[in-house]
Structures are given as structure tokens and as C-alpha cells.
Amino acid sequence: MPTSNHHKGIEFAGPATYRIVVQGALSADWSDRLGGLAITTTRQAGRIPQTTLAGGIRDQAELSGVLETLYSLHLPILKVEQVEDEA
């Protein structure tokens, strides 16, 4: 018997805002290559830097392209999350 599900699901068909965290430093010059995402690198003494990419991504194909680019740069992906628009 089907159950009623009132939880809001993740929509994969359209645009969404994402936050992606990778291990390592990435220059802001990569923003255009990564869909115009904002790039912020944090450094703590004695630790490997982490870079956060944040912004709008049109669809899953664009998200896949961003992740593939990060993978090809050998930056370990620590977190990918869809976030609510902050506007």
C-alpha cells in the first residue's frame, strides 16, 4: 500500500544553489571554468587548506561538469550540498 510522503524532495531538473568543499587550494581564477561559482580558500596553521565553491548551478549536467573538473585537478571532494538560496 503506498504511503503519503509530505517531505520536500530534491529537484534535479532545474537550477539550484550548491556548496562544494574540496581539500586543497584553488585560485579564484578558476571561477569561469567552474560555472561562475564563488571560490573561497581557508587556511589554518598546520592543516591542508580547504576551498569552498558556492553559487547557482543550472542543472545536473553542469554540476557533473564542475565535479569532473575538480576531480581532474586531483582535489579531493569533501562535501557537495544543495542549499537554500540566501537571497
N, C-alpha and C. Protein backbone atom coordinates (compact mmCIF):
# COMPACT_ATOMS: atom_id res chain seq x y z
N MET A 1 0.83 -1.16 0.00
CA MET A 1 0.00 0.00 0.00
C MET A 1 0.89 1.25 0.00
N PRO A 2 0.68 2.18 -0.92
CA PRO A 2 1.52 3.38 -0.98
C PRO A 2 1.32 4.25 0.26
N THR A 3 2.39 4.89 0.68
CA THR A 3 2.30 5.79 1.81
C THR A 3 2.40 7.22 1.33
N SER A 4 1.80 8.11 2.06
CA SER A 4 1.85 9.52 1.73
C SER A 4 3.18 10.09 2.19
N ASN A 5 3.86 10.81 1.30
CA ASN A 5 5.14 11.40 1.64
C ASN A 5 5.02 12.91 1.50
N HIS A 6 5.05 13.62 2.60
CA HIS A 6 4.89 15.06 2.59
C HIS A 6 6.23 15.78 2.68
N HIS A 7 7.34 15.07 2.55
CA HIS A 7 8.66 15.68 2.61
C HIS A 7 8.99 16.30 1.27
N LYS A 8 9.61 17.45 1.32
CA LYS A 8 10.06 18.10 0.10
C LYS A 8 11.28 17.37 -0.42
N GLY A 9 11.20 16.91 -1.65
CA GLY A 9 12.31 16.19 -2.25
C GLY A 9 13.26 17.14 -2.95
N ILE A 10 14.41 16.64 -3.29
CA ILE A 10 15.39 17.42 -4.04
C ILE A 10 14.99 17.39 -5.50
N GLU A 11 14.93 18.55 -6.12
CA GLU A 11 14.61 18.66 -7.53
C GLU A 11 15.90 18.65 -8.34
N PHE A 12 16.03 17.73 -9.27
CA PHE A 12 17.24 17.62 -10.06
C PHE A 12 17.09 18.18 -11.47
N ALA A 13 15.88 18.60 -11.84
CA ALA A 13 15.63 19.00 -13.22
C ALA A 13 16.01 20.45 -13.50
N GLY A 14 16.06 21.29 -12.50
CA GLY A 14 16.28 22.71 -12.75
C GLY A 14 17.43 23.27 -11.95
N PRO A 15 17.53 24.59 -11.95
CA PRO A 15 18.64 25.24 -11.26
C PRO A 15 18.53 25.12 -9.74
N ALA A 16 19.69 25.15 -9.09
CA ALA A 16 19.75 25.09 -7.63
C ALA A 16 21.05 25.74 -7.18
N THR A 17 21.11 26.07 -5.91
CA THR A 17 22.32 26.63 -5.32
C THR A 17 23.07 25.52 -4.59
N TYR A 18 24.38 25.46 -4.84
CA TYR A 18 25.20 24.40 -4.26
C TYR A 18 26.38 24.99 -3.50
N ARG A 19 26.85 24.21 -2.54
CA ARG A 19 28.11 24.48 -1.84
C ARG A 19 28.94 23.21 -1.97
N ILE A 20 30.14 23.37 -2.50
CA ILE A 20 31.05 22.24 -2.72
C ILE A 20 32.34 22.56 -1.97
N VAL A 21 32.82 21.62 -1.17
CA VAL A 21 34.06 21.81 -0.42
C VAL A 21 35.07 20.77 -0.89
N VAL A 22 36.28 21.26 -1.22
CA VAL A 22 37.36 20.36 -1.64
C VAL A 22 38.57 20.58 -0.75
N GLN A 23 39.40 19.56 -0.68
CA GLN A 23 40.65 19.67 0.05
C GLN A 23 41.69 20.24 -0.89
N GLY A 24 42.37 21.29 -0.44
CA GLY A 24 43.38 21.92 -1.27
C GLY A 24 42.99 23.34 -1.63
N ALA A 25 43.94 24.06 -2.20
CA ALA A 25 43.72 25.46 -2.57
C ALA A 25 43.41 25.55 -4.05
N LEU A 26 42.47 26.41 -4.38
CA LEU A 26 42.08 26.64 -5.76
C LEU A 26 41.97 28.14 -5.96
N SER A 27 42.65 28.63 -6.97
CA SER A 27 42.64 30.07 -7.26
C SER A 27 41.26 30.51 -7.73
N ALA A 28 40.91 31.75 -7.39
CA ALA A 28 39.65 32.33 -7.85
C ALA A 28 39.61 32.45 -9.37
N ASP A 29 40.76 32.37 -10.02
CA ASP A 29 40.84 32.41 -11.49
C ASP A 29 40.07 31.25 -12.13
N TRP A 30 39.80 30.21 -11.38
CA TRP A 30 39.09 29.04 -11.90
C TRP A 30 37.58 29.25 -11.95
N SER A 31 37.09 30.34 -11.42
CA SER A 31 35.64 30.55 -11.33
C SER A 31 34.93 30.41 -12.67
N ASP A 32 35.46 31.04 -13.72
CA ASP A 32 34.81 30.94 -15.03
C ASP A 32 34.74 29.51 -15.52
N ARG A 33 35.79 28.74 -15.29
CA ARG A 33 35.83 27.33 -15.73
C ARG A 33 34.87 26.47 -14.90
N LEU A 34 34.50 26.97 -13.73
CA LEU A 34 33.65 26.20 -12.82
C LEU A 34 32.27 26.84 -12.70
N GLY A 35 31.71 27.26 -13.80
CA GLY A 35 30.34 27.75 -13.84
C GLY A 35 30.10 29.07 -13.14
N GLY A 36 31.16 29.86 -12.91
CA GLY A 36 30.99 31.15 -12.25
C GLY A 36 30.80 31.06 -10.74
N LEU A 37 31.09 29.91 -10.16
CA LEU A 37 30.94 29.74 -8.71
C LEU A 37 31.93 30.63 -7.97
N ALA A 38 31.51 31.15 -6.82
CA ALA A 38 32.40 31.91 -5.94
C ALA A 38 33.37 30.93 -5.29
N ILE A 39 34.63 31.30 -5.23
CA ILE A 39 35.67 30.41 -4.69
C ILE A 39 36.33 31.08 -3.50
N THR A 40 36.32 30.37 -2.36
CA THR A 40 36.93 30.88 -1.14
C THR A 40 37.81 29.79 -0.56
N THR A 41 39.08 30.12 -0.30
CA THR A 41 40.00 29.15 0.30
C THR A 41 40.32 29.58 1.72
N THR A 42 40.22 28.61 2.65
CA THR A 42 40.56 28.87 4.05
C THR A 42 41.80 28.07 4.40
N ARG A 43 42.67 28.72 5.15
CA ARG A 43 43.92 28.09 5.58
C ARG A 43 44.02 28.17 7.10
N GLN A 44 44.37 27.05 7.72
CA GLN A 44 44.62 27.01 9.15
C GLN A 44 46.03 26.48 9.35
N ALA A 45 46.75 27.05 10.28
CA ALA A 45 48.14 26.66 10.52
C ALA A 45 48.25 25.15 10.73
N GLY A 46 49.16 24.55 10.02
CA GLY A 46 49.43 23.12 10.18
C GLY A 46 48.41 22.21 9.53
N ARG A 47 47.47 22.75 8.76
CA ARG A 47 46.44 21.93 8.13
C ARG A 47 46.41 22.21 6.63
N ILE A 48 45.93 21.24 5.89
CA ILE A 48 45.77 21.39 4.46
C ILE A 48 44.63 22.38 4.21
N PRO A 49 44.80 23.33 3.28
CA PRO A 49 43.72 24.28 3.01
C PRO A 49 42.48 23.59 2.46
N GLN A 50 41.35 24.24 2.64
CA GLN A 50 40.08 23.78 2.06
C GLN A 50 39.51 24.91 1.23
N THR A 51 38.93 24.55 0.10
CA THR A 51 38.31 25.54 -0.78
C THR A 51 36.82 25.25 -0.87
N THR A 52 36.03 26.31 -0.73
CA THR A 52 34.58 26.22 -0.86
C THR A 52 34.15 26.92 -2.13
N LEU A 53 33.35 26.24 -2.93
CA LEU A 53 32.76 26.81 -4.13
C LEU A 53 31.27 26.92 -3.86
N ALA A 54 30.70 28.08 -4.17
CA ALA A 54 29.28 28.27 -3.89
C ALA A 54 28.63 29.10 -4.98
N GLY A 55 27.38 28.73 -5.28
CA GLY A 55 26.63 29.51 -6.25
C GLY A 55 25.62 28.66 -6.99
N GLY A 56 24.99 29.30 -7.96
CA GLY A 56 23.95 28.64 -8.73
C GLY A 56 24.50 27.74 -9.80
N ILE A 57 23.87 26.59 -9.95
CA ILE A 57 24.20 25.63 -11.00
C ILE A 57 22.91 25.31 -11.73
N ARG A 58 22.95 25.39 -13.06
CA ARG A 58 21.73 25.28 -13.87
C ARG A 58 21.04 23.94 -13.80
N ASP A 59 21.83 22.85 -13.81
CA ASP A 59 21.23 21.52 -13.85
C ASP A 59 22.27 20.48 -13.46
N GLN A 60 21.87 19.23 -13.47
CA GLN A 60 22.76 18.15 -13.06
C GLN A 60 23.93 17.98 -14.02
N ALA A 61 23.74 18.30 -15.30
CA ALA A 61 24.84 18.21 -16.26
C ALA A 61 25.94 19.21 -15.90
N GLU A 62 25.55 20.42 -15.53
CA GLU A 62 26.55 21.42 -15.14
C GLU A 62 27.23 21.01 -13.84
N LEU A 63 26.46 20.49 -12.88
CA LEU A 63 27.05 20.01 -11.63
C LEU A 63 28.07 18.91 -11.91
N SER A 64 27.72 17.99 -12.78
CA SER A 64 28.63 16.91 -13.14
C SER A 64 29.92 17.47 -13.76
N GLY A 65 29.80 18.49 -14.60
CA GLY A 65 30.98 19.10 -15.21
C GLY A 65 31.88 19.76 -14.18
N VAL A 66 31.29 20.45 -13.20
CA VAL A 66 32.07 21.07 -12.14
C VAL A 66 32.82 20.00 -11.34
N LEU A 67 32.11 18.95 -10.96
CA LEU A 67 32.73 17.88 -10.16
C LEU A 67 33.83 17.18 -10.96
N GLU A 68 33.60 16.98 -12.24
CA GLU A 68 34.62 16.33 -13.10
C GLU A 68 35.87 17.20 -13.19
N THR A 69 35.68 18.51 -13.30
CA THR A 69 36.84 19.42 -13.35
C THR A 69 37.63 19.35 -12.05
N LEU A 70 36.94 19.38 -10.92
CA LEU A 70 37.62 19.28 -9.63
C LEU A 70 38.37 17.95 -9.51
N TYR A 71 37.75 16.88 -9.97
CA TYR A 71 38.38 15.56 -9.94
C TYR A 71 39.64 15.55 -10.80
N SER A 72 39.56 16.16 -11.99
CA SER A 72 40.71 16.17 -12.89
C SER A 72 41.86 17.01 -12.34
N LEU A 73 41.54 17.94 -11.43
CA LEU A 73 42.57 18.74 -10.77
C LEU A 73 43.14 18.02 -9.54
N HIS A 74 42.68 16.81 -9.28
CA HIS A 74 43.13 15.99 -8.16
C HIS A 74 42.83 16.65 -6.81
N LEU A 75 41.69 17.33 -6.73
CA LEU A 75 41.25 17.93 -5.47
C LEU A 75 40.20 17.01 -4.84
N PRO A 76 40.52 16.38 -3.72
CA PRO A 76 39.54 15.51 -3.07
C PRO A 76 38.27 16.28 -2.71
N ILE A 77 37.13 15.75 -3.13
CA ILE A 77 35.85 16.39 -2.85
C ILE A 77 35.37 15.93 -1.47
N LEU A 78 35.21 16.89 -0.57
CA LEU A 78 34.83 16.58 0.81
C LEU A 78 33.33 16.67 1.04
N LYS A 79 32.65 17.60 0.30
CA LYS A 79 31.23 17.79 0.53
C LYS A 79 30.59 18.43 -0.69
N VAL A 80 29.40 17.93 -1.03
CA VAL A 80 28.56 18.55 -2.05
C VAL A 80 27.17 18.65 -1.43
N GLU A 81 26.65 19.87 -1.35
CA GLU A 81 25.32 20.01 -0.77
C GLU A 81 24.50 21.05 -1.52
N GLN A 82 23.23 20.74 -1.69
CA GLN A 82 22.29 21.71 -2.25
C GLN A 82 21.81 22.55 -1.08
N VAL A 83 21.87 23.86 -1.23
CA VAL A 83 21.49 24.76 -0.15
C VAL A 83 20.35 25.66 -0.60
N GLU A 84 19.64 26.19 0.37
CA GLU A 84 18.58 27.14 0.07
C GLU A 84 19.20 28.43 -0.43
N ASP A 85 18.54 29.06 -1.39
CA ASP A 85 19.01 30.37 -1.85
C ASP A 85 19.03 31.34 -0.69
N GLU A 86 20.11 32.11 -0.57
CA GLU A 86 20.25 33.04 0.53
C GLU A 86 19.72 34.42 0.17
N ALA A 87 19.22 34.59 -1.05
CA ALA A 87 18.71 35.90 -1.49
C ALA A 87 17.32 36.14 -0.96
